[in-house]
């Protein structure tokens, strides 16, 4: 039996468990199971690994960075650049490699969404979710500007967004939890009235399927996409990583 699972705390409702359980059933994949491993502290990770024969794990908050010291290496193309891990592959020699499949999920979803890559982007938020977005944009040669509540060395504030900045940065990516269930009706403080049909709004949030950010963008002509395709894409990338297809 090949064992896969998700570590994090708290876990509650898990997209990953539902997704992989259904995948195994629908695709006739036998001899595999996917479990939730709720770790109250990351130092329990060593006990989990030594007492469970695992093939692969997904990692969610708050351990995407905390798990790194427990691994033997990071994939240089994803986790090494991003500084966060959401996939662990247990190698045949007993070592553990960390990957970041959010990179693949976002990249695939974004390229299907955009007509070309000749964009400049605004990345809303500077938290953990923004890191894979940043590296993906760099690899696609899409210039970006971070936006956060307060101006910092690496980001401007929402109040700093001028008409010119908004007109020239037509790919707008929300990496914040604003508008996520159950706090629907909240959106980043953008000058939505300046939005045009040239704008593309990408929200990493997928519940609700249409966020307030997306709604306000669409009302002013923007094309919009939520984070569900990205989520599915990162799950499929996890599976490929575990099976040596990446």
Protein backbone atom coordinates (compact mmCIF):
# COMPACT_ATOMS: atom_id res chain seq x y z
CA UNK A 1 0.00 0.00 0.00
CA UNK A 2 1.39 3.38 -1.01
CA UNK A 3 0.63 5.99 1.62
CA UNK A 4 0.20 9.65 0.84
CA UNK A 5 -1.13 12.41 3.04
CA UNK A 6 -1.30 15.99 4.19
CA UNK A 7 0.44 17.56 7.18
CA UNK A 8 -0.61 20.85 8.77
CA UNK A 9 -2.51 22.27 11.74
CA UNK A 10 -5.40 22.56 12.01
CA UNK A 11 -6.61 20.66 8.96
CA UNK A 12 -10.40 20.62 9.18
CA UNK A 13 -11.89 20.35 5.70
CA UNK A 14 -9.25 19.09 3.29
CA UNK A 15 -9.43 19.62 -0.46
CA UNK A 16 -6.45 17.29 -0.89
CA UNK A 17 -7.93 14.24 0.84
CA UNK A 18 -11.19 14.54 -1.10
CA UNK A 19 -9.38 15.18 -4.37
CA UNK A 20 -6.95 12.26 -4.15
CA UNK A 21 -9.50 9.80 -2.75
CA UNK A 22 -11.78 10.56 -5.70
CA UNK A 23 -8.84 10.45 -8.12
CA UNK A 24 -7.84 6.97 -6.94
CA UNK A 25 -11.43 5.74 -7.33
CA UNK A 26 -12.23 7.39 -10.66
CA UNK A 27 -8.93 6.49 -12.35
CA UNK A 28 -8.80 2.97 -10.95
CA UNK A 29 -5.53 3.61 -9.10
CA UNK A 30 -5.15 0.68 -6.70
CA UNK A 31 -2.95 0.23 -3.65
CA UNK A 32 -2.93 3.90 -2.69
CA UNK A 33 -4.44 5.81 0.21
CA UNK A 34 -4.40 9.45 1.28
CA UNK A 35 -4.68 10.41 4.94
CA UNK A 36 -4.65 13.55 7.06
CA UNK A 37 -1.82 13.93 9.57
CA UNK A 38 -2.68 16.80 11.87
CA UNK A 39 0.56 17.80 13.61
CA UNK A 40 0.13 20.18 16.51
CA UNK A 41 3.88 20.85 16.40
CA UNK A 42 6.35 20.35 13.56
CA UNK A 43 8.77 18.38 15.75
CA UNK A 44 6.24 15.51 15.63
CA UNK A 45 7.14 15.19 11.94
CA UNK A 46 10.16 12.99 12.67
CA UNK A 47 8.00 10.51 14.61
CA UNK A 48 5.43 10.43 11.81
CA UNK A 49 8.07 9.69 9.19
CA UNK A 50 9.82 7.00 11.24
CA UNK A 51 6.59 5.21 12.17
CA UNK A 52 4.76 5.43 8.85
CA UNK A 53 5.86 4.11 5.46
CA UNK A 54 5.12 7.15 3.34
CA UNK A 55 5.51 7.69 -0.40
CA UNK A 56 4.60 11.36 -0.48
CA UNK A 57 3.14 14.20 1.54
CA UNK A 58 1.50 17.53 0.90
CA UNK A 59 2.30 20.32 3.35
CA UNK A 60 -0.04 23.15 4.30
CA UNK A 61 0.00 26.01 6.80
CA UNK A 62 1.73 26.59 9.11
CA UNK A 63 4.54 24.23 8.08
CA UNK A 64 5.51 25.15 4.51
CA UNK A 65 8.73 26.73 5.79
CA UNK A 66 9.08 25.00 9.16
CA UNK A 67 9.38 21.56 7.53
CA UNK A 68 12.46 22.50 5.48
CA UNK A 69 15.09 21.62 8.17
CA UNK A 70 13.65 18.08 8.29
CA UNK A 71 14.32 17.49 4.57
CA UNK A 72 17.49 16.33 2.84
CA UNK A 73 17.22 18.62 -0.18
CA UNK A 74 15.01 21.11 -1.98
CA UNK A 75 14.10 21.05 -5.65
CA UNK A 76 16.16 23.99 -6.96
CA UNK A 77 13.59 25.00 -9.60
CA UNK A 78 10.70 25.42 -7.16
CA UNK A 79 11.10 25.07 -3.39
CA UNK A 80 14.72 26.23 -3.49
CA UNK A 81 13.76 29.50 -5.19
CA UNK A 82 10.49 30.02 -3.34
CA UNK A 83 11.67 29.11 0.15
CA UNK A 84 8.53 27.12 0.90
CA UNK A 85 7.57 23.45 0.52
CA UNK A 86 4.13 22.00 -0.12
CA UNK A 87 5.17 18.60 -1.51
CA UNK A 88 7.56 16.04 -0.03
CA UNK A 89 8.78 13.07 -2.01
CA UNK A 90 10.22 10.11 -0.11
CA UNK A 91 13.04 8.80 -2.30
CA UNK A 92 13.97 5.14 -2.69
CA UNK A 93 17.18 5.71 -0.74
CA UNK A 94 15.19 6.96 2.26
CA UNK A 95 15.91 10.64 1.77
CA UNK A 96 13.28 13.38 1.52
CA UNK A 97 13.04 16.03 -1.19
CA UNK A 98 10.92 19.17 -0.91
CA UNK A 99 9.09 20.67 -3.88
CA UNK A 100 6.61 23.48 -4.41
CA UNK A 101 3.74 22.46 -6.69
CA UNK A 102 1.97 25.82 -6.23
CA UNK A 103 4.50 27.02 -8.80
CA UNK A 104 3.27 24.49 -11.38
CA UNK A 105 -0.39 25.00 -10.50
CA UNK A 106 -0.19 28.77 -10.85
CA UNK A 107 1.95 28.69 -13.99
CA UNK A 108 -0.35 26.29 -15.83
CA UNK A 109 -3.50 28.15 -14.79
CA UNK A 110 -2.05 31.57 -15.64
CA UNK A 111 -0.83 30.57 -19.10
CA UNK A 112 -4.28 29.19 -19.95
CA UNK A 113 -5.90 32.41 -18.68
CA UNK A 114 -3.72 34.98 -20.45
CA UNK A 115 -3.67 35.56 -24.23
CA UNK A 116 0.10 36.27 -24.04
CA UNK A 117 2.70 37.11 -21.39
CA UNK A 118 3.42 40.73 -22.36
CA UNK A 119 2.01 42.00 -19.09
CA UNK A 120 3.11 43.88 -16.02
CA UNK A 121 1.59 42.58 -12.81
CA UNK A 122 0.47 43.80 -9.42
CA UNK A 123 0.85 41.14 -6.71
CA UNK A 124 -1.56 41.96 -3.91
CA UNK A 125 -0.14 40.71 -0.61
CA UNK A 126 3.36 39.72 0.48
CA UNK A 127 2.54 36.64 2.57
CA UNK A 128 3.43 33.01 1.96
CA UNK A 129 1.01 32.59 -0.94
CA UNK A 130 2.75 35.35 -2.88
CA UNK A 131 6.14 33.63 -3.01
CA UNK A 132 5.30 31.00 -5.66
CA UNK A 133 3.51 33.70 -7.67
CA UNK A 134 6.62 35.91 -7.61
CA UNK A 135 8.98 33.16 -8.80
CA UNK A 136 6.57 32.08 -11.55
CA UNK A 137 6.30 35.63 -12.88
CA UNK A 138 10.09 35.97 -12.82
CA UNK A 139 10.45 32.74 -14.82
CA UNK A 140 7.89 34.03 -17.34
CA UNK A 141 9.67 37.41 -17.58
CA UNK A 142 6.57 39.25 -16.36
CA UNK A 143 7.61 42.36 -14.38
CA UNK A 144 5.68 42.77 -11.12
CA UNK A 145 5.09 45.19 -8.27
CA UNK A 146 4.16 44.05 -4.77
CA UNK A 147 1.26 45.87 -3.10
CA UNK A 148 0.54 45.64 0.64
CA UNK A 149 -1.34 47.59 3.30
CA UNK A 150 1.79 49.48 4.26
CA UNK A 151 4.64 50.67 2.09
CA UNK A 152 7.88 48.71 2.58
CA UNK A 153 11.20 48.37 0.77
CA UNK A 154 9.74 45.74 -1.53
CA UNK A 155 6.14 46.92 -1.87
CA UNK A 156 4.00 49.97 -2.44
CA UNK A 157 0.80 50.57 -0.49
CA UNK A 158 -2.69 50.53 -2.00
CA UNK A 159 -2.73 54.32 -1.58
CA UNK A 160 0.40 54.51 -3.77
CA UNK A 161 -1.36 53.01 -6.81
CA UNK A 162 -1.56 55.86 -9.30
CA UNK A 163 -3.68 55.97 -12.42
CA UNK A 164 -0.52 55.34 -14.46
CA UNK A 165 0.54 52.32 -12.39
CA UNK A 166 -2.93 50.81 -12.63
CA UNK A 167 -3.15 51.43 -16.38
CA UNK A 168 0.21 49.81 -17.10
CA UNK A 169 -0.03 46.87 -14.67
CA UNK A 170 -3.00 45.07 -16.19
CA UNK A 171 -2.46 41.66 -14.59
CA UNK A 172 -3.70 41.91 -11.00
CA UNK A 173 -3.15 38.89 -8.74
CA UNK A 174 -4.77 38.66 -5.32
CA UNK A 175 -2.73 36.46 -2.98
CA UNK A 176 -4.46 37.73 0.19
CA UNK A 177 -7.34 35.90 1.94
CA UNK A 178 -9.59 38.96 1.49
CA UNK A 179 -12.99 37.81 0.25
CA UNK A 180 -12.48 34.17 1.22
CA UNK A 181 -15.42 32.33 2.81
CA UNK A 182 -16.86 33.17 5.30
CA UNK A 183 -15.71 36.78 4.77
CA UNK A 184 -17.28 37.31 1.37
CA UNK A 185 -17.94 40.89 0.37
CA UNK A 186 -14.42 42.09 1.23
CA UNK A 187 -11.90 43.04 -1.45
CA UNK A 188 -8.47 44.65 -1.68
CA UNK A 189 -8.69 48.45 -1.85
CA UNK A 190 -8.00 49.04 -5.52
CA UNK A 191 -9.20 51.89 -7.78
CA UNK A 192 -11.69 49.53 -9.43
CA UNK A 193 -13.30 52.41 -11.33
CA UNK A 194 -10.08 52.62 -13.39
CA UNK A 195 -10.34 48.97 -14.45
CA UNK A 196 -10.71 48.34 -18.19
CA UNK A 197 -11.23 45.43 -20.54
CA UNK A 198 -7.42 45.24 -20.76
CA UNK A 199 -7.20 44.05 -17.14
CA UNK A 200 -6.94 40.42 -16.04
CA UNK A 201 -7.84 39.65 -12.42
CA UNK A 202 -6.51 36.39 -10.94
CA UNK A 203 -7.62 35.45 -7.42
CA UNK A 204 -5.89 32.57 -5.60
CA UNK A 205 -9.07 32.27 -3.48
CA UNK A 206 -11.49 29.64 -4.82
CA UNK A 207 -14.29 29.75 -2.24
CA UNK A 208 -16.52 31.55 -3.10
CA UNK A 209 -16.07 30.86 -6.81
CA UNK A 210 -16.67 34.56 -7.56
CA UNK A 211 -14.97 36.77 -4.99
CA UNK A 212 -15.73 40.44 -4.43
CA UNK A 213 -12.37 41.23 -6.06
CA UNK A 214 -13.42 39.32 -9.18
CA UNK A 215 -16.91 40.80 -9.16
CA UNK A 216 -15.65 44.39 -8.97
CA UNK A 217 -13.15 43.68 -11.73
CA UNK A 218 -15.72 42.08 -14.02
CA UNK A 219 -18.18 44.94 -13.50
CA UNK A 220 -15.57 47.23 -15.02
CA UNK A 221 -14.63 44.96 -17.93
CA UNK A 222 -11.81 42.81 -16.54
CA UNK A 223 -11.44 39.12 -17.32
CA UNK A 224 -11.39 37.12 -14.08
CA UNK A 225 -10.31 33.71 -12.80
CA UNK A 226 -10.42 32.14 -9.35
CA UNK A 227 -7.88 29.81 -7.77
CA UNK A 228 -9.61 26.46 -8.36
CA UNK A 229 -7.64 25.61 -11.51
CA UNK A 230 -4.45 26.49 -9.66
CA UNK A 231 -5.45 24.24 -6.76
CA UNK A 232 -6.22 21.32 -9.06
CA UNK A 233 -3.02 21.97 -10.99
CA UNK A 234 -0.87 21.86 -7.86
CA UNK A 235 -2.54 18.61 -6.79
CA UNK A 236 -1.85 17.00 -10.17
CA UNK A 237 1.72 18.29 -10.03
CA UNK A 238 2.08 16.64 -6.59
CA UNK A 239 1.03 13.32 -8.10
CA UNK A 240 3.54 13.67 -10.95
CA UNK A 241 6.32 14.54 -8.49
CA UNK A 242 5.57 11.49 -6.35
CA UNK A 243 5.59 9.28 -9.44
CA UNK A 244 8.83 10.64 -10.86
CA UNK A 245 7.21 12.43 -13.80
CA UNK A 246 8.83 15.77 -12.93
